[in-house]
Amino acid sequence: MVTLPAGITTTATARVSDTTTASAHTLTVQCGNATANASFTVLTGTPAQGGLGGTQALSTAVMAAGGAMAALAAATGTFLLVRRARHNHP
């Protein structure tokens, strides 16, 4: 256990390789003469696909639904603007 003075906060980031064996592991961190250990378990399975778009590929149906919603929003906006313009100019 590493004890820090009151009011001091620190963080660390550990990266686990995607080729790491699925099992229990121990992470050891050394700062000066102090050492801290943390245990974690690597599980088997398919990793999530990160990045833009989430974890699943978009299907044609999802793309069509998104396009239809965008078109509906544009048509609604145009309708409301035309209605407002006609209402303001008798």
N, C-alpha and C. Protein backbone atom coordinates (compact mmCIF):
# COMPACT_ATOMS: atom_id res chain seq x y z
N MET A 1 0.84 -1.18 0.00
CA MET A 1 0.00 0.00 0.00
C MET A 1 0.88 1.23 0.00
N VAL A 2 0.55 2.17 -0.83
CA VAL A 2 1.28 3.43 -0.90
C VAL A 2 0.45 4.49 -0.22
N THR A 3 1.01 5.18 0.74
CA THR A 3 0.29 6.22 1.46
C THR A 3 0.74 7.57 0.93
N LEU A 4 -0.23 8.37 0.52
CA LEU A 4 0.06 9.72 0.04
C LEU A 4 -0.35 10.72 1.10
N PRO A 5 0.32 11.85 1.16
CA PRO A 5 -0.09 12.89 2.10
C PRO A 5 -1.52 13.34 1.81
N ALA A 6 -2.23 13.82 2.82
CA ALA A 6 -3.60 14.29 2.66
C ALA A 6 -3.67 15.36 1.58
N GLY A 7 -4.71 15.28 0.75
CA GLY A 7 -4.92 16.28 -0.30
C GLY A 7 -4.19 15.98 -1.60
N ILE A 8 -3.38 14.94 -1.63
CA ILE A 8 -2.65 14.58 -2.84
C ILE A 8 -3.41 13.45 -3.53
N THR A 9 -3.66 13.61 -4.82
CA THR A 9 -4.33 12.59 -5.61
C THR A 9 -3.44 12.23 -6.78
N THR A 10 -3.37 10.98 -7.09
CA THR A 10 -2.58 10.55 -8.24
C THR A 10 -3.34 9.46 -8.98
N THR A 11 -3.05 9.31 -10.25
CA THR A 11 -3.68 8.26 -11.05
C THR A 11 -2.61 7.57 -11.88
N ALA A 12 -2.95 6.40 -12.35
CA ALA A 12 -2.08 5.66 -13.25
C ALA A 12 -2.95 4.89 -14.23
N THR A 13 -2.42 4.66 -15.39
CA THR A 13 -3.14 3.88 -16.41
C THR A 13 -2.29 2.68 -16.79
N ALA A 14 -2.89 1.52 -16.76
CA ALA A 14 -2.20 0.30 -17.17
C ALA A 14 -2.89 -0.24 -18.41
N ARG A 15 -2.14 -0.64 -19.39
CA ARG A 15 -2.70 -1.21 -20.62
C ARG A 15 -2.39 -2.69 -20.65
N VAL A 16 -3.39 -3.48 -20.99
CA VAL A 16 -3.24 -4.92 -21.09
C VAL A 16 -3.26 -5.27 -22.57
N SER A 17 -2.23 -5.97 -23.02
CA SER A 17 -2.13 -6.37 -24.42
C SER A 17 -3.26 -7.31 -24.80
N ASP A 18 -3.72 -7.24 -26.05
CA ASP A 18 -4.80 -8.13 -26.48
C ASP A 18 -4.31 -9.58 -26.64
N THR A 19 -3.02 -9.79 -26.48
CA THR A 19 -2.49 -11.16 -26.56
C THR A 19 -2.23 -11.74 -25.16
N THR A 20 -2.65 -11.03 -24.11
CA THR A 20 -2.45 -11.50 -22.74
C THR A 20 -3.26 -12.76 -22.50
N THR A 21 -2.66 -13.71 -21.81
CA THR A 21 -3.32 -14.98 -21.49
C THR A 21 -4.47 -14.74 -20.52
N ALA A 22 -5.60 -15.39 -20.78
CA ALA A 22 -6.77 -15.28 -19.90
C ALA A 22 -6.48 -16.02 -18.60
N SER A 23 -6.30 -15.26 -17.52
CA SER A 23 -6.04 -15.81 -16.20
C SER A 23 -5.90 -14.66 -15.20
N ALA A 24 -5.58 -14.99 -13.96
CA ALA A 24 -5.36 -13.98 -12.93
C ALA A 24 -3.95 -13.41 -13.08
N HIS A 25 -3.83 -12.11 -12.91
CA HIS A 25 -2.55 -11.43 -13.03
C HIS A 25 -2.39 -10.45 -11.87
N THR A 26 -1.16 -10.02 -11.64
CA THR A 26 -0.88 -9.01 -10.62
C THR A 26 -0.14 -7.86 -11.27
N LEU A 27 -0.60 -6.65 -10.99
CA LEU A 27 0.04 -5.43 -11.47
C LEU A 27 0.83 -4.85 -10.30
N THR A 28 2.10 -4.58 -10.51
CA THR A 28 2.94 -3.98 -9.48
C THR A 28 3.41 -2.62 -9.95
N VAL A 29 3.24 -1.62 -9.10
CA VAL A 29 3.65 -0.25 -9.42
C VAL A 29 4.65 0.20 -8.37
N GLN A 30 5.73 0.80 -8.83
CA GLN A 30 6.73 1.30 -7.89
C GLN A 30 6.87 2.80 -8.08
N CYS A 31 6.88 3.51 -6.96
CA CYS A 31 7.05 4.96 -6.96
C CYS A 31 8.09 5.27 -5.89
N GLY A 32 9.28 5.61 -6.33
CA GLY A 32 10.36 5.82 -5.36
C GLY A 32 10.67 4.49 -4.70
N ASN A 33 10.63 4.47 -3.37
CA ASN A 33 10.87 3.24 -2.62
C ASN A 33 9.59 2.49 -2.30
N ALA A 34 8.42 3.06 -2.64
CA ALA A 34 7.13 2.44 -2.31
C ALA A 34 6.66 1.58 -3.47
N THR A 35 6.01 0.45 -3.15
CA THR A 35 5.49 -0.46 -4.15
C THR A 35 4.03 -0.77 -3.82
N ALA A 36 3.19 -0.83 -4.85
CA ALA A 36 1.77 -1.18 -4.68
C ALA A 36 1.44 -2.30 -5.65
N ASN A 37 0.60 -3.25 -5.21
CA ASN A 37 0.17 -4.36 -6.05
C ASN A 37 -1.35 -4.34 -6.19
N ALA A 38 -1.82 -4.75 -7.37
CA ALA A 38 -3.26 -4.89 -7.60
C ALA A 38 -3.48 -6.15 -8.42
N SER A 39 -4.48 -6.93 -8.05
CA SER A 39 -4.80 -8.15 -8.78
C SER A 39 -5.95 -7.89 -9.74
N PHE A 40 -5.90 -8.54 -10.91
CA PHE A 40 -7.00 -8.44 -11.87
C PHE A 40 -7.05 -9.73 -12.67
N THR A 41 -8.17 -9.97 -13.32
CA THR A 41 -8.35 -11.19 -14.11
C THR A 41 -8.67 -10.82 -15.55
N VAL A 42 -7.96 -11.42 -16.47
CA VAL A 42 -8.23 -11.26 -17.89
C VAL A 42 -9.18 -12.39 -18.29
N LEU A 43 -10.31 -12.02 -18.89
CA LEU A 43 -11.33 -13.00 -19.28
C LEU A 43 -11.21 -13.33 -20.76
N THR A 44 -11.73 -14.47 -21.15
CA THR A 44 -11.75 -14.83 -22.56
C THR A 44 -12.98 -14.23 -23.22
N GLY A 45 -12.96 -14.13 -24.53
CA GLY A 45 -14.11 -13.61 -25.25
C GLY A 45 -13.66 -12.68 -26.35
N THR A 46 -14.63 -12.15 -27.05
CA THR A 46 -14.37 -11.23 -28.14
C THR A 46 -14.36 -9.81 -27.59
N PRO A 47 -13.31 -9.05 -27.85
CA PRO A 47 -13.27 -7.69 -27.33
C PRO A 47 -14.28 -6.78 -28.03
N ALA A 48 -14.69 -5.75 -27.36
CA ALA A 48 -15.61 -4.77 -27.96
C ALA A 48 -14.88 -4.00 -29.04
N GLN A 49 -15.59 -3.62 -30.07
CA GLN A 49 -15.02 -2.80 -31.13
C GLN A 49 -15.22 -1.34 -30.74
N GLY A 50 -14.16 -0.66 -30.45
CA GLY A 50 -14.27 0.74 -30.04
C GLY A 50 -14.26 1.67 -31.23
N GLY A 51 -14.28 2.94 -30.95
CA GLY A 51 -14.21 3.94 -32.00
C GLY A 51 -15.57 4.48 -32.37
N LEU A 52 -15.62 5.25 -33.43
CA LEU A 52 -16.87 5.85 -33.88
C LEU A 52 -17.82 4.78 -34.37
N GLY A 53 -19.06 4.85 -33.99
CA GLY A 53 -20.05 3.92 -34.48
C GLY A 53 -20.42 2.82 -33.51
N GLY A 54 -19.76 2.74 -32.39
CA GLY A 54 -20.14 1.75 -31.39
C GLY A 54 -19.56 0.39 -31.66
N THR A 55 -20.23 -0.64 -31.16
CA THR A 55 -19.68 -1.99 -31.20
C THR A 55 -20.27 -2.85 -32.29
N GLN A 56 -21.18 -2.33 -33.09
CA GLN A 56 -21.79 -3.15 -34.14
C GLN A 56 -21.73 -2.42 -35.46
N ALA A 57 -21.60 -3.19 -36.51
CA ALA A 57 -21.63 -2.61 -37.85
C ALA A 57 -23.06 -2.18 -38.18
N LEU A 58 -23.19 -1.09 -38.91
CA LEU A 58 -24.52 -0.61 -39.27
C LEU A 58 -25.06 -1.41 -40.44
N SER A 59 -26.31 -1.82 -40.32
CA SER A 59 -26.96 -2.55 -41.40
C SER A 59 -27.64 -1.56 -42.33
N THR A 60 -28.09 -2.05 -43.48
CA THR A 60 -28.81 -1.21 -44.44
C THR A 60 -30.10 -0.67 -43.82
N ALA A 61 -30.78 -1.51 -43.04
CA ALA A 61 -32.04 -1.08 -42.42
C ALA A 61 -31.79 0.06 -41.43
N VAL A 62 -30.72 -0.03 -40.65
CA VAL A 62 -30.42 1.02 -39.68
C VAL A 62 -30.07 2.31 -40.41
N MET A 63 -29.30 2.21 -41.48
CA MET A 63 -28.95 3.40 -42.26
C MET A 63 -30.20 4.02 -42.89
N ALA A 64 -31.11 3.21 -43.40
CA ALA A 64 -32.34 3.71 -44.01
C ALA A 64 -33.21 4.40 -42.96
N ALA A 65 -33.31 3.80 -41.77
CA ALA A 65 -34.11 4.41 -40.70
C ALA A 65 -33.51 5.75 -40.28
N GLY A 66 -32.19 5.82 -40.17
CA GLY A 66 -31.54 7.08 -39.81
C GLY A 66 -31.75 8.14 -40.87
N GLY A 67 -31.64 7.75 -42.14
CA GLY A 67 -31.88 8.69 -43.24
C GLY A 67 -33.32 9.18 -43.25
N ALA A 68 -34.27 8.28 -42.99
CA ALA A 68 -35.69 8.67 -42.97
C ALA A 68 -35.96 9.65 -41.83
N MET A 69 -35.35 9.41 -40.67
CA MET A 69 -35.55 10.33 -39.54
C MET A 69 -34.95 11.70 -39.83
N ALA A 70 -33.77 11.73 -40.48
CA ALA A 70 -33.16 13.01 -40.84
C ALA A 70 -34.04 13.76 -41.85
N ALA A 71 -34.58 13.04 -42.83
CA ALA A 71 -35.46 13.66 -43.82
C ALA A 71 -36.74 14.18 -43.18
N LEU A 72 -37.30 13.41 -42.25
CA LEU A 72 -38.50 13.85 -41.54
C LEU A 72 -38.22 15.11 -40.74
N ALA A 73 -37.08 15.16 -40.07
CA ALA A 73 -36.73 16.34 -39.28
C ALA A 73 -36.57 17.57 -40.19
N ALA A 74 -35.92 17.38 -41.34
CA ALA A 74 -35.75 18.49 -42.28
C ALA A 74 -37.09 18.97 -42.83
N ALA A 75 -37.98 18.03 -43.18
CA ALA A 75 -39.30 18.39 -43.71
C ALA A 75 -40.13 19.12 -42.65
N THR A 76 -40.07 18.64 -41.40
CA THR A 76 -40.81 19.29 -40.32
C THR A 76 -40.31 20.70 -40.09
N GLY A 77 -38.98 20.87 -40.08
CA GLY A 77 -38.41 22.21 -39.91
C GLY A 77 -38.82 23.15 -41.02
N THR A 78 -38.78 22.66 -42.26
CA THR A 78 -39.19 23.49 -43.40
C THR A 78 -40.66 23.86 -43.30
N PHE A 79 -41.52 22.91 -42.95
CA PHE A 79 -42.95 23.17 -42.79
C PHE A 79 -43.19 24.26 -41.74
N LEU A 80 -42.52 24.14 -40.60
CA LEU A 80 -42.73 25.12 -39.53
C LEU A 80 -42.23 26.51 -39.92
N LEU A 81 -41.11 26.58 -40.64
CA LEU A 81 -40.60 27.88 -41.08
C LEU A 81 -41.54 28.53 -42.10
N VAL A 82 -42.06 27.75 -43.03
CA VAL A 82 -43.00 28.28 -44.03
C VAL A 82 -44.28 28.73 -43.34
N ARG A 83 -44.77 27.94 -42.41
CA ARG A 83 -45.99 28.30 -41.68
C ARG A 83 -45.79 29.59 -40.90
N ARG A 84 -44.63 29.73 -40.26
CA ARG A 84 -44.35 30.95 -39.49
C ARG A 84 -44.28 32.16 -40.43
N ALA A 85 -43.63 31.99 -41.58
CA ALA A 85 -43.50 33.09 -42.54
C ALA A 85 -44.87 33.51 -43.06
N ARG A 86 -45.74 32.58 -43.35
CA ARG A 86 -47.08 32.91 -43.83
C ARG A 86 -47.92 33.55 -42.74
N HIS A 87 -47.73 33.13 -41.52
CA HIS A 87 -48.51 33.66 -40.41
C HIS A 87 -48.11 35.10 -40.09
N ASN A 88 -46.83 35.41 -40.26
CA ASN A 88 -46.34 36.75 -39.98
C ASN A 88 -46.61 37.75 -41.11
N HIS A 89 -46.86 37.29 -42.32
CA HIS A 89 -47.13 38.16 -43.46
C HIS A 89 -48.51 37.84 -44.04
N PRO A 90 -49.53 38.55 -43.61
CA PRO A 90 -50.88 38.24 -44.10
C PRO A 90 -51.08 38.59 -45.57
